Every structure is written in C-alpha cells, then in structure tokens.
C-alpha atoms as a PDB file:
ATOM      1  CA  UNK A   1      -1.046   5.142 -11.686  1.00  0.00           C
ATOM      2  CA  UNK A   2      -4.366   3.587 -10.284  1.00  0.00           C
ATOM      3  CA  UNK A   3      -4.008   0.496  -8.673  1.00  0.00           C
ATOM      4  CA  UNK A   4      -7.209  -1.497  -9.101  1.00  0.00           C
ATOM      5  CA  UNK A   5      -9.178  -3.434  -6.362  1.00  0.00           C
ATOM      6  CA  UNK A   6     -12.949  -5.024  -6.262  1.00  0.00           C
ATOM      7  CA  UNK A   7     -14.450  -3.139  -3.646  1.00  0.00           C
ATOM      8  CA  UNK A   8     -17.644  -0.674  -3.555  1.00  0.00           C
ATOM      9  CA  UNK A   9     -16.005   2.885  -3.492  1.00  0.00           C
ATOM     10  CA  UNK A  10     -18.313   5.381  -1.626  1.00  0.00           C
ATOM     11  CA  UNK A  11     -15.782   7.853  -0.579  1.00  0.00           C
ATOM     12  CA  UNK A  12     -12.021   9.307  -1.602  1.00  0.00           C
ATOM     13  CA  UNK A  13     -10.483  11.260   0.695  1.00  0.00           C
ATOM     14  CA  UNK A  14      -7.703  13.534   0.421  1.00  0.00           C
ATOM     15  CA  UNK A  15      -4.395  11.399   2.079  1.00  0.00           C
ATOM     16  CA  UNK A  16      -1.885  14.107   1.499  1.00  0.00           C
ATOM     17  CA  UNK A  17       0.387  15.998  -0.530  1.00  0.00           C
ATOM     18  CA  UNK A  18       2.108  13.614  -3.058  1.00  0.00           C
ATOM     19  CA  UNK A  19       5.368  15.289  -2.276  1.00  0.00           C
ATOM     20  CA  UNK A  20       4.737  13.985   1.268  1.00  0.00           C
ATOM     21  CA  UNK A  21       5.462  10.320   0.112  1.00  0.00           C
ATOM     22  CA  UNK A  22       8.911   9.643  -0.342  1.00  0.00           C
ATOM     23  CA  UNK A  23      10.345   8.554  -4.075  1.00  0.00           C
ATOM     24  CA  UNK A  24      10.277   4.595  -3.738  1.00  0.00           C
ATOM     25  CA  UNK A  25       8.885   4.415  -0.187  1.00  0.00           C
ATOM     26  CA  UNK A  26       6.160   5.034   1.862  1.00  0.00           C
ATOM     27  CA  UNK A  27       4.215   6.963   4.300  1.00  0.00           C
ATOM     28  CA  UNK A  28       1.488   6.402   6.855  1.00  0.00           C
ATOM     29  CA  UNK A  29      -2.041   8.078   7.054  1.00  0.00           C
ATOM     30  CA  UNK A  30      -4.808   7.553   9.486  1.00  0.00           C
ATOM     31  CA  UNK A  31      -8.212   7.417   8.262  1.00  0.00           C
ATOM     32  CA  UNK A  32     -11.086   7.207  11.279  1.00  0.00           C
ATOM     33  CA  UNK A  33      -9.678   4.376  12.928  1.00  0.00           C
ATOM     34  CA  UNK A  34      -7.726   2.778  10.125  1.00  0.00           C
ATOM     35  CA  UNK A  35      -3.709   3.210   9.488  1.00  0.00           C
ATOM     36  CA  UNK A  36      -3.029   3.197   5.779  1.00  0.00           C
ATOM     37  CA  UNK A  37       0.057   2.576   4.526  1.00  0.00           C
ATOM     38  CA  UNK A  38       0.879   4.802   1.157  1.00  0.00           C
ATOM     39  CA  UNK A  39       3.702   3.781  -1.582  1.00  0.00           C
ATOM     40  CA  UNK A  40       5.036   6.005  -3.850  1.00  0.00           C
ATOM     41  CA  UNK A  41       6.759   3.497  -6.476  1.00  0.00           C
ATOM     42  CA  UNK A  42       8.483   6.012  -8.837  1.00  0.00           C
ATOM     43  CA  UNK A  43      10.488   3.434 -10.369  1.00  0.00           C
ATOM     44  CA  UNK A  44       7.165   1.978 -11.811  1.00  0.00           C
ATOM     45  CA  UNK A  45       5.156   5.314 -12.014  1.00  0.00           C
ATOM     46  CA  UNK A  46       2.473   3.598  -9.787  1.00  0.00           C
ATOM     47  CA  UNK A  47       1.109   4.154  -6.589  1.00  0.00           C
ATOM     48  CA  UNK A  48      -0.831   1.650  -3.901  1.00  0.00           C
ATOM     49  CA  UNK A  49      -2.306   2.012  -0.721  1.00  0.00           C
ATOM     50  CA  UNK A  50      -2.307  -0.899   2.025  1.00  0.00           C
ATOM     51  CA  UNK A  51      -3.591  -1.261   5.194  1.00  0.00           C
ATOM     52  CA  UNK A  52      -0.336  -0.344   7.743  1.00  0.00           C
ATOM     53  CA  UNK A  53      -1.016  -3.561  10.039  1.00  0.00           C
ATOM     54  CA  UNK A  54       1.568  -6.355   9.192  1.00  0.00           C
ATOM     55  CA  UNK A  55      -0.609  -9.256  10.303  1.00  0.00           C
ATOM     56  CA  UNK A  56       2.218 -11.629  11.467  1.00  0.00           C
ATOM     57  CA  UNK A  57       2.979 -10.151  14.650  1.00  0.00           C
ATOM     58  CA  UNK A  58       0.104  -7.490  14.834  1.00  0.00           C
ATOM     59  CA  UNK A  59       2.745  -4.222  14.201  1.00  0.00           C
ATOM     60  CA  UNK A  60       1.545  -0.952  12.358  1.00  0.00           C
ATOM     61  CA  UNK A  61       4.962  -1.004  10.543  1.00  0.00           C
ATOM     62  CA  UNK A  62       4.078  -1.765   6.877  1.00  0.00           C
ATOM     63  CA  UNK A  63       4.554   1.948   5.269  1.00  0.00           C
ATOM     64  CA  UNK A  64       8.576   1.415   6.763  1.00  0.00           C
ATOM     65  CA  UNK A  65       8.876  -1.862   4.668  1.00  0.00           C
ATOM     66  CA  UNK A  66      11.047  -2.360   1.420  1.00  0.00           C
ATOM     67  CA  UNK A  67       9.185  -2.073  -1.916  1.00  0.00           C
ATOM     68  CA  UNK A  68      10.153  -4.011  -5.056  1.00  0.00           C
ATOM     69  CA  UNK A  69       8.801  -6.419  -7.504  1.00  0.00           C
ATOM     70  CA  UNK A  70       8.947 -10.179  -7.714  1.00  0.00           C
ATOM     71  CA  UNK A  71       8.140 -13.064  -9.994  1.00  0.00           C
ATOM     72  CA  UNK A  72       7.889 -13.319 -14.151  1.00  0.00           C
ATOM     73  CA  UNK A  73       5.315 -10.564 -14.197  1.00  0.00           C
ATOM     74  CA  UNK A  74       7.093  -8.330 -11.918  1.00  0.00           C
ATOM     75  CA  UNK A  75       4.271  -7.926  -9.577  1.00  0.00           C
ATOM     76  CA  UNK A  76       4.769  -5.024  -7.042  1.00  0.00           C
ATOM     77  CA  UNK A  77       5.482  -6.111  -3.346  1.00  0.00           C
ATOM     78  CA  UNK A  78       6.371  -4.902   0.037  1.00  0.00           C
ATOM     79  CA  UNK A  79       8.424  -6.647   2.556  1.00  0.00           C
ATOM     80  CA  UNK A  80       7.461  -5.849   6.648  1.00  0.00           C
ATOM     81  CA  UNK A  81      10.618  -4.300   7.845  1.00  0.00           C
ATOM     82  CA  UNK A  82      10.391  -6.555  10.977  1.00  0.00           C
ATOM     83  CA  UNK A  83       9.279 -10.126   9.764  1.00  0.00           C
ATOM     84  CA  UNK A  84      10.386  -9.984   5.712  1.00  0.00           C
ATOM     85  CA  UNK A  85       7.092 -11.339   4.988  1.00  0.00           C
ATOM     86  CA  UNK A  86       5.899 -10.192   1.604  1.00  0.00           C
ATOM     87  CA  UNK A  87       2.810  -8.740   0.190  1.00  0.00           C
ATOM     88  CA  UNK A  88       1.491  -8.021  -3.214  1.00  0.00           C
ATOM     89  CA  UNK A  89       0.548  -4.219  -3.326  1.00  0.00           C
ATOM     90  CA  UNK A  90      -2.278  -5.326  -6.014  1.00  0.00           C
ATOM     91  CA  UNK A  91      -3.991  -8.266  -4.213  1.00  0.00           C
ATOM     92  CA  UNK A  92      -2.527  -7.942  -0.520  1.00  0.00           C
ATOM     93  CA  UNK A  93      -1.847 -11.684  -0.570  1.00  0.00           C
ATOM     94  CA  UNK A  94       1.099 -13.084   1.217  1.00  0.00           C
ATOM     95  CA  UNK A  95       3.637 -14.097  -1.268  1.00  0.00           C
ATOM     96  CA  UNK A  96       5.733 -16.086   0.860  1.00  0.00           C
ATOM     97  CA  UNK A  97       3.147 -17.752   3.389  1.00  0.00           C
ATOM     98  CA  UNK A  98       0.056 -18.414   3.274  1.00  0.00           C
ATOM     99  CA  UNK A  99      -1.595 -17.682   6.876  1.00  0.00           C
ATOM    100  CA  UNK A 100      -2.238 -14.194   6.187  1.00  0.00           C
ATOM    101  CA  UNK A 101      -2.923 -10.881   3.840  1.00  0.00           C
ATOM    102  CA  UNK A 102      -3.473  -7.490   4.085  1.00  0.00           C
ATOM    103  CA  UNK A 103      -6.040  -4.989   2.635  1.00  0.00           C
ATOM    104  CA  UNK A 104      -5.724  -2.939  -0.338  1.00  0.00           C
ATOM    105  CA  UNK A 105      -6.965   0.059  -1.421  1.00  0.00           C
ATOM    106  CA  UNK A 106      -7.894   2.088  -4.592  1.00  0.00           C
ATOM    107  CA  UNK A 107      -5.351   4.990  -5.088  1.00  0.00           C
ATOM    108  CA  UNK A 108      -5.065   8.396  -7.292  1.00  0.00           C
ATOM    109  CA  UNK A 109      -2.826  10.914  -7.503  1.00  0.00           C
ATOM    110  CA  UNK A 110      -4.614  14.328  -8.869  1.00  0.00           C
ATOM    111  CA  UNK A 111      -2.656  17.930  -8.967  1.00  0.00           C
ATOM    112  CA  UNK A 112       0.006  16.766  -7.121  1.00  0.00           C
ATOM    113  CA  UNK A 113      -2.909  15.138  -3.964  1.00  0.00           C
ATOM    114  CA  UNK A 114      -3.067  11.681  -2.865  1.00  0.00           C
ATOM    115  CA  UNK A 115      -6.796  10.274  -2.715  1.00  0.00           C
ATOM    116  CA  UNK A 116      -7.650   6.722  -0.987  1.00  0.00           C
ATOM    117  CA  UNK A 117     -10.832   5.287  -1.822  1.00  0.00           C
ATOM    118  CA  UNK A 118     -12.991   3.458   1.178  1.00  0.00           C
ATOM    119  CA  UNK A 119     -16.424   1.818   1.515  1.00  0.00           C
END
C-alpha cells in the first residue's frame, strides 16, 4: 500500500528489496546525502518512508523506532528509540510535542521491490 504526501515527484528510486525491511519494523537507506527510514507496517499492510533524522537531538535513529497506531482513527506513528517523541508516518507531524516535525516520502512496493519518491 502507498502512503500519499503532497509533493512533486520527479524520480522514483529503487531503495531495496521488500524482504530487506523487517515486518513491523524499519530499515534505513541512503539517497544522495539523505538517510531515509523505511517502515514495513505489515500488521496494517502498509509501507511508509520518512527522514531518518530525529529532529529532537539530531540523531539518525528513526528507522530503529517502534511503530504503532494512535488516536481514534488509529494514525500510524513511529517513536524515536531514544527520546520517545512520536511522529505521524503520514504527515510527519510530532504527535506529543509541537516543536518539530519530520519529512515524509511517497513509497510504493512493486514486484517485491521498494521505491521511494523524491523531488
């Protein structure tokens, strides 16, 4: 399943094989100078991609965070493994503080391969 974001996609790059990302977990890939966290939320049959950098303490750790759902609509989220800040996997909004947010990327899985959309 694809996560939708409002951005102009000029390029889909092959990030990895779907089997490289653990079920209900994350992995990190590098695209140019950016680290991108990929999440295989298999309980929901959904995939998400965000920046790997936690903006709270500027650490590259979000791909190792715990994923889950929150709220009445069960919004998918990731929690930083060090600071416990939680971020929406859809919008990137910080769900337990107002000081920061993260970038999200469109993602698609086709024929066992994971692609991320970049500008």
